[in-house]
Amino acid sequence: MYRLIKPILDILGACLFLLLFLIPILWISLLLYATQGRVLYKQQRVGKAERIFWIYKFQTMTDARDEHGELLPDEQRITKLGNFLRKTSLDELPQCWNVLKGDMSFIGPRPLLVAYLELYSEEERKRHHVKPGLTGLAQMNGRNAISWQEKFAWDIRYVNRLSMRQDVHILIRTVKKVLLSEDIARDGYATTPPFEGSKK
């Protein structure tokens, strides 16, 4: 039953969220446009049933490159405003549009890069049995401070135990995590090291 109700709750929640954060969204957009000339960052990610979609975030990095024309490491391209947006998770606000479009849910495994698709084990692919979310069980248990294997274990646990009670619990803990800016990144990385596969 909850699987049928969840999409409706997502749409209602996204509409409410956009209304509540309309002023911050406008201010952030103006600041980003004034300082970087760009507001949104988009990237292809993998959703439910391994469907590819475009995810939207506020722009937090520049396109600074080295003498060979290669992009500098992420941690060197994050702006001061971008760092603030990431620490407060405000950079994720545009994903409410992804929720409204039906690409994402508020709660679920975080959507990952398309390049990772060929690297998953069969067990890890189960994370795509549900819509990806703005926050999820893995984010409540270490976020970017834990290993990929631990993240996937939490994601699969979420899929296997999908329920309203679990989602409410995750939502409450998300508020705490955001307020305390916990587990934003792994040491030495802007967020977390890239996934290199579990099949090796």
C-alpha atoms as a PDB file:
ATOM      1  CA  MET A   1       0.000   0.000   0.000  1.00  0.00           C
ATOM      2  CA  TYR A   2       2.757   2.450   0.936  1.00  0.00           C
ATOM      3  CA  ARG A   3       4.371   2.023  -2.491  1.00  0.00           C
ATOM      4  CA  LEU A   4       1.179   3.483  -4.005  1.00  0.00           C
ATOM      5  CA  ILE A   5       0.923   6.378  -1.535  1.00  0.00           C
ATOM      6  CA  LYS A   6       4.597   7.349  -1.554  1.00  0.00           C
ATOM      7  CA  PRO A   7       4.598   9.101  -4.996  1.00  0.00           C
ATOM      8  CA  ILE A   8       1.618  11.250  -3.955  1.00  0.00           C
ATOM      9  CA  LEU A   9       3.332  12.228  -0.705  1.00  0.00           C
ATOM     10  CA  ASP A  10       6.464  13.078  -2.689  1.00  0.00           C
ATOM     11  CA  ILE A  11       4.608  15.482  -4.998  1.00  0.00           C
ATOM     12  CA  LEU A  12       2.795  17.171  -2.104  1.00  0.00           C
ATOM     13  CA  GLY A  13       6.037  17.417  -0.147  1.00  0.00           C
ATOM     14  CA  ALA A  14       7.965  18.881  -3.089  1.00  0.00           C
ATOM     15  CA  CYS A  15       5.301  21.557  -3.655  1.00  0.00           C
ATOM     16  CA  LEU A  16       5.333  22.494   0.033  1.00  0.00           C
ATOM     17  CA  PHE A  17       9.126  22.503   0.136  1.00  0.00           C
ATOM     18  CA  LEU A  18       9.379  24.797  -2.897  1.00  0.00           C
ATOM     19  CA  LEU A  19       6.895  27.227  -1.353  1.00  0.00           C
ATOM     20  CA  LEU A  20       8.699  27.290   1.998  1.00  0.00           C
ATOM     21  CA  PHE A  21      12.114  27.763   0.408  1.00  0.00           C
ATOM     22  CA  LEU A  22      11.073  30.039  -2.462  1.00  0.00           C
ATOM     23  CA  ILE A  23      12.876  33.104  -1.070  1.00  0.00           C
ATOM     24  CA  PRO A  24      16.154  31.245  -0.282  1.00  0.00           C
ATOM     25  CA  ILE A  25      16.038  29.631  -3.747  1.00  0.00           C
ATOM     26  CA  LEU A  26      15.679  33.042  -5.394  1.00  0.00           C
ATOM     27  CA  TRP A  27      18.491  34.586  -3.318  1.00  0.00           C
ATOM     28  CA  ILE A  28      20.862  31.675  -3.976  1.00  0.00           C
ATOM     29  CA  SER A  29      20.068  31.826  -7.689  1.00  0.00           C
ATOM     30  CA  LEU A  30      20.825  35.559  -7.808  1.00  0.00           C
ATOM     31  CA  LEU A  31      24.088  35.138  -5.875  1.00  0.00           C
ATOM     32  CA  LEU A  32      25.267  32.299  -8.104  1.00  0.00           C
ATOM     33  CA  TYR A  33      24.412  34.170 -11.275  1.00  0.00           C
ATOM     34  CA  ALA A  34      26.177  37.313 -10.020  1.00  0.00           C
ATOM     35  CA  THR A  35      29.341  35.471  -8.917  1.00  0.00           C
ATOM     36  CA  GLN A  36      29.615  32.617 -11.449  1.00  0.00           C
ATOM     37  CA  GLY A  37      27.267  33.447 -14.288  1.00  0.00           C
ATOM     38  CA  ARG A  38      25.597  30.047 -13.839  1.00  0.00           C
ATOM     39  CA  VAL A  39      22.953  28.871 -11.412  1.00  0.00           C
ATOM     40  CA  LEU A  40      22.320  25.175 -12.004  1.00  0.00           C
ATOM     41  CA  TYR A  41      24.498  22.130 -12.477  1.00  0.00           C
ATOM     42  CA  LYS A  42      23.008  19.089 -14.174  1.00  0.00           C
ATOM     43  CA  GLN A  43      24.326  15.588 -14.613  1.00  0.00           C
ATOM     44  CA  GLN A  44      22.958  12.255 -15.778  1.00  0.00           C
ATOM     45  CA  ARG A  45      22.210   9.798 -12.983  1.00  0.00           C
ATOM     46  CA  VAL A  46      20.600   6.369 -12.674  1.00  0.00           C
ATOM     47  CA  GLY A  47      17.069   6.055 -11.331  1.00  0.00           C
ATOM     48  CA  LYS A  48      14.515   3.343 -10.685  1.00  0.00           C
ATOM     49  CA  ALA A  49      14.803   0.342 -13.013  1.00  0.00           C
ATOM     50  CA  GLU A  50      18.156   1.807 -14.141  1.00  0.00           C
ATOM     51  CA  ARG A  51      16.449   4.566 -16.110  1.00  0.00           C
ATOM     52  CA  ILE A  52      18.780   7.498 -16.868  1.00  0.00           C
ATOM     53  CA  PHE A  53      17.643  11.011 -15.922  1.00  0.00           C
ATOM     54  CA  TRP A  54      19.112  14.490 -15.437  1.00  0.00           C
ATOM     55  CA  ILE A  55      19.653  15.532 -11.817  1.00  0.00           C
ATOM     56  CA  TYR A  56      19.748  19.227 -10.885  1.00  0.00           C
ATOM     57  CA  LYS A  57      21.785  20.972  -8.193  1.00  0.00           C
ATOM     58  CA  PHE A  58      22.923  24.496  -7.484  1.00  0.00           C
ATOM     59  CA  GLN A  59      26.336  25.207  -9.027  1.00  0.00           C
ATOM     60  CA  THR A  60      29.017  24.843  -6.335  1.00  0.00           C
ATOM     61  CA  MET A  61      32.233  24.589  -8.377  1.00  0.00           C
ATOM     62  CA  THR A  62      34.068  26.568 -11.032  1.00  0.00           C
ATOM     63  CA  ASP A  63      35.485  25.151 -14.277  1.00  0.00           C
ATOM     64  CA  ALA A  64      39.070  26.001 -13.303  1.00  0.00           C
ATOM     65  CA  ARG A  65      41.653  23.983 -15.264  1.00  0.00           C
ATOM     66  CA  ASP A  66      45.388  23.313 -15.097  1.00  0.00           C
ATOM     67  CA  GLU A  67      47.981  24.225 -17.721  1.00  0.00           C
ATOM     68  CA  HIS A  68      47.047  21.128 -19.737  1.00  0.00           C
ATOM     69  CA  GLY A  69      43.381  22.074 -19.903  1.00  0.00           C
ATOM     70  CA  GLU A  70      42.322  19.388 -17.419  1.00  0.00           C
ATOM     71  CA  LEU A  71      39.810  20.220 -14.699  1.00  0.00           C
ATOM     72  CA  LEU A  72      41.391  20.774 -11.299  1.00  0.00           C
ATOM     73  CA  PRO A  73      40.407  18.387  -8.460  1.00  0.00           C
ATOM     74  CA  ASP A  74      36.934  19.031  -7.044  1.00  0.00           C
ATOM     75  CA  GLU A  75      38.239  20.298  -3.711  1.00  0.00           C
ATOM     76  CA  GLN A  76      40.173  23.044  -5.544  1.00  0.00           C
ATOM     77  CA  ARG A  77      37.180  24.174  -7.594  1.00  0.00           C
ATOM     78  CA  ILE A  78      34.588  24.539  -4.831  1.00  0.00           C
ATOM     79  CA  THR A  79      33.751  28.194  -4.217  1.00  0.00           C
ATOM     80  CA  LYS A  80      33.133  29.719  -0.784  1.00  0.00           C
ATOM     81  CA  LEU A  81      29.442  30.000  -1.584  1.00  0.00           C
ATOM     82  CA  GLY A  82      29.462  26.467  -2.965  1.00  0.00           C
ATOM     83  CA  ASN A  83      31.109  25.154   0.194  1.00  0.00           C
ATOM     84  CA  PHE A  84      28.391  26.800   2.283  1.00  0.00           C
ATOM     85  CA  LEU A  85      25.652  25.363   0.071  1.00  0.00           C
ATOM     86  CA  ARG A  86      27.101  21.864   0.404  1.00  0.00           C
ATOM     87  CA  LYS A  87      27.546  22.068   4.172  1.00  0.00           C
ATOM     88  CA  THR A  88      23.941  23.160   4.600  1.00  0.00           C
ATOM     89  CA  SER A  89      22.683  20.801   1.836  1.00  0.00           C
ATOM     90  CA  LEU A  90      21.035  23.809   0.164  1.00  0.00           C
ATOM     91  CA  ASP A  91      22.707  22.783  -3.102  1.00  0.00           C
ATOM     92  CA  GLU A  92      20.188  19.920  -3.255  1.00  0.00           C
ATOM     93  CA  LEU A  93      17.097  22.178  -3.338  1.00  0.00           C
ATOM     94  CA  PRO A  94      16.695  22.065  -7.157  1.00  0.00           C
ATOM     95  CA  GLN A  95      16.133  18.311  -6.865  1.00  0.00           C
ATOM     96  CA  CYS A  96      12.588  19.128  -5.730  1.00  0.00           C
ATOM     97  CA  TRP A  97      12.020  19.540  -9.479  1.00  0.00           C
ATOM     98  CA  ASN A  98      13.281  15.972  -9.973  1.00  0.00           C
ATOM     99  CA  VAL A  99      10.760  14.831  -7.366  1.00  0.00           C
ATOM    100  CA  LEU A 100       7.931  16.671  -9.116  1.00  0.00           C
ATOM    101  CA  LYS A 101       8.942  15.101 -12.445  1.00  0.00           C
ATOM    102  CA  GLY A 102       8.830  11.643 -10.882  1.00  0.00           C
ATOM    103  CA  ASP A 103      12.557  10.962 -11.321  1.00  0.00           C
ATOM    104  CA  MET A 104      13.205  10.910  -7.587  1.00  0.00           C
ATOM    105  CA  SER A 105      11.597  10.525  -4.187  1.00  0.00           C
ATOM    106  CA  PHE A 106      12.361  12.439  -0.996  1.00  0.00           C
ATOM    107  CA  ILE A 107      13.625   9.241   0.624  1.00  0.00           C
ATOM    108  CA  GLY A 108      15.613   6.517  -1.156  1.00  0.00           C
ATOM    109  CA  PRO A 109      19.148   5.507  -2.185  1.00  0.00           C
ATOM    110  CA  ARG A 110      21.092   8.466  -3.562  1.00  0.00           C
ATOM    111  CA  PRO A 111      21.226   8.457  -7.406  1.00  0.00           C
ATOM    112  CA  LEU A 112      24.714   7.653  -8.653  1.00  0.00           C
ATOM    113  CA  LEU A 113      26.714   8.151 -11.836  1.00  0.00           C
ATOM    114  CA  VAL A 114      25.836   6.301 -15.044  1.00  0.00           C
ATOM    115  CA  ALA A 115      29.447   5.117 -15.291  1.00  0.00           C
ATOM    116  CA  TYR A 116      28.954   3.009 -12.150  1.00  0.00           C
ATOM    117  CA  LEU A 117      26.255   0.831 -13.736  1.00  0.00           C
ATOM    118  CA  GLU A 118      28.703  -1.698 -15.174  1.00  0.00           C
ATOM    119  CA  LEU A 119      30.565  -1.940 -11.850  1.00  0.00           C
ATOM    120  CA  TYR A 120      27.739  -3.161  -9.592  1.00  0.00           C
ATOM    121  CA  SER A 121      27.331  -6.695  -8.346  1.00  0.00           C
ATOM    122  CA  GLU A 122      23.873  -8.240  -8.787  1.00  0.00           C
ATOM    123  CA  GLU A 123      23.124  -7.580  -5.121  1.00  0.00           C
ATOM    124  CA  GLU A 124      24.124  -3.913  -5.401  1.00  0.00           C
ATOM    125  CA  ARG A 125      21.852  -3.420  -8.419  1.00  0.00           C
ATOM    126  CA  LYS A 126      18.870  -3.977  -6.108  1.00  0.00           C
ATOM    127  CA  ARG A 127      19.234  -0.341  -5.039  1.00  0.00           C
ATOM    128  CA  HIS A 128      17.519   0.504  -8.343  1.00  0.00           C
ATOM    129  CA  HIS A 129      14.323  -1.319  -7.378  1.00  0.00           C
ATOM    130  CA  VAL A 130      13.016   1.956  -5.920  1.00  0.00           C
ATOM    131  CA  LYS A 131      13.273   5.621  -6.893  1.00  0.00           C
ATOM    132  CA  PRO A 132      16.452   7.352  -5.723  1.00  0.00           C
ATOM    133  CA  GLY A 133      16.048   9.960  -3.000  1.00  0.00           C
ATOM    134  CA  LEU A 134      17.279  13.308  -1.728  1.00  0.00           C
ATOM    135  CA  THR A 135      18.270  11.468   1.423  1.00  0.00           C
ATOM    136  CA  GLY A 136      18.358   7.847   2.456  1.00  0.00           C
ATOM    137  CA  LEU A 137      19.367   5.252   5.001  1.00  0.00           C
ATOM    138  CA  ALA A 138      23.024   5.366   3.950  1.00  0.00           C
ATOM    139  CA  GLN A 139      23.082   9.148   4.494  1.00  0.00           C
ATOM    140  CA  MET A 140      21.820   8.614   8.045  1.00  0.00           C
ATOM    141  CA  ASN A 141      24.570   6.114   8.794  1.00  0.00           C
ATOM    142  CA  GLY A 142      27.718   7.867   7.664  1.00  0.00           C
ATOM    143  CA  ARG A 143      26.879   9.606   4.381  1.00  0.00           C
ATOM    144  CA  ASN A 144      30.211  10.291   2.627  1.00  0.00           C
ATOM    145  CA  ALA A 145      32.303   9.165   5.608  1.00  0.00           C
ATOM    146  CA  ILE A 146      31.631   5.437   5.056  1.00  0.00           C
ATOM    147  CA  SER A 147      32.826   3.023   2.369  1.00  0.00           C
ATOM    148  CA  TRP A 148      30.910   2.249  -0.816  1.00  0.00           C
ATOM    149  CA  GLN A 149      30.235  -1.288   0.395  1.00  0.00           C
ATOM    150  CA  GLU A 150      28.659   0.071   3.571  1.00  0.00           C
ATOM    151  CA  LYS A 151      26.560   2.541   1.572  1.00  0.00           C
ATOM    152  CA  PHE A 152      25.240  -0.198  -0.696  1.00  0.00           C
ATOM    153  CA  ALA A 153      24.444  -2.423   2.280  1.00  0.00           C
ATOM    154  CA  TRP A 154      22.319   0.363   3.789  1.00  0.00           C
ATOM    155  CA  ASP A 155      20.678   1.054   0.406  1.00  0.00           C
ATOM    156  CA  ILE A 156      19.655  -2.570  -0.029  1.00  0.00           C
ATOM    157  CA  ARG A 157      18.410  -2.725   3.547  1.00  0.00           C
ATOM    158  CA  TYR A 158      16.237   0.293   2.769  1.00  0.00           C
ATOM    159  CA  VAL A 159      14.780  -1.375  -0.339  1.00  0.00           C
ATOM    160  CA  ASN A 160      14.036  -4.604   1.539  1.00  0.00           C
ATOM    161  CA  ARG A 161      12.334  -2.795   4.437  1.00  0.00           C
ATOM    162  CA  LEU A 162      10.499  -0.048   2.557  1.00  0.00           C
ATOM    163  CA  SER A 163       7.834   1.436   4.839  1.00  0.00           C
ATOM    164  CA  MET A 164       6.362   4.756   5.938  1.00  0.00           C
ATOM    165  CA  ARG A 165       7.787   4.280   9.423  1.00  0.00           C
ATOM    166  CA  GLN A 166      11.291   3.910   8.015  1.00  0.00           C
ATOM    167  CA  ASP A 167      10.882   7.001   5.798  1.00  0.00           C
ATOM    168  CA  VAL A 168       9.638   9.149   8.685  1.00  0.00           C
ATOM    169  CA  HIS A 169      12.576   7.997  10.810  1.00  0.00           C
ATOM    170  CA  ILE A 170      15.035   8.886   8.027  1.00  0.00           C
ATOM    171  CA  LEU A 171      13.391  12.289   7.490  1.00  0.00           C
ATOM    172  CA  ILE A 172      13.700  13.204  11.181  1.00  0.00           C
ATOM    173  CA  ARG A 173      17.342  12.127  11.307  1.00  0.00           C
ATOM    174  CA  THR A 174      18.047  14.041   8.089  1.00  0.00           C
ATOM    175  CA  VAL A 175      17.089  17.305   9.778  1.00  0.00           C
ATOM    176  CA  LYS A 176      19.607  16.603  12.544  1.00  0.00           C
ATOM    177  CA  LYS A 177      22.365  15.700  10.067  1.00  0.00           C
ATOM    178  CA  VAL A 178      21.792  18.852   8.022  1.00  0.00           C
ATOM    179  CA  LEU A 179      21.742  21.128  11.083  1.00  0.00           C
ATOM    180  CA  LEU A 180      24.997  19.627  12.385  1.00  0.00           C
ATOM    181  CA  SER A 181      26.624  19.393   8.898  1.00  0.00           C
ATOM    182  CA  GLU A 182      27.767  15.858   9.652  1.00  0.00           C
ATOM    183  CA  ASP A 183      29.693  13.481   7.344  1.00  0.00           C
ATOM    184  CA  ILE A 184      29.857  15.935   4.410  1.00  0.00           C
ATOM    185  CA  ALA A 185      33.055  14.436   2.980  1.00  0.00           C
ATOM    186  CA  ARG A 186      35.733  11.770   3.325  1.00  0.00           C
ATOM    187  CA  ASP A 187      39.191  12.981   4.360  1.00  0.00           C
ATOM    188  CA  GLY A 188      41.105  14.246   1.327  1.00  0.00           C
ATOM    189  CA  TYR A 189      38.043  14.488  -0.910  1.00  0.00           C
ATOM    190  CA  ALA A 190      35.432  17.123  -1.694  1.00  0.00           C
ATOM    191  CA  THR A 191      32.788  14.474  -1.044  1.00  0.00           C
ATOM    192  CA  THR A 192      33.874  10.848  -1.465  1.00  0.00           C
ATOM    193  CA  PRO A 193      36.305   8.839  -3.641  1.00  0.00           C
ATOM    194  CA  PRO A 194      34.857   7.412  -6.884  1.00  0.00           C
ATOM    195  CA  PHE A 195      33.377   3.933  -6.875  1.00  0.00           C
ATOM    196  CA  GLU A 196      35.734   1.479  -8.592  1.00  0.00           C
ATOM    197  CA  GLY A 197      33.590  -1.631  -8.469  1.00  0.00           C
ATOM    198  CA  SER A 198      32.895  -4.511  -6.129  1.00  0.00           C
ATOM    199  CA  LYS A 199      33.432  -7.275  -8.690  1.00  0.00           C
ATOM    200  CA  LYS A 200      37.206  -7.165  -8.440  1.00  0.00           C
END
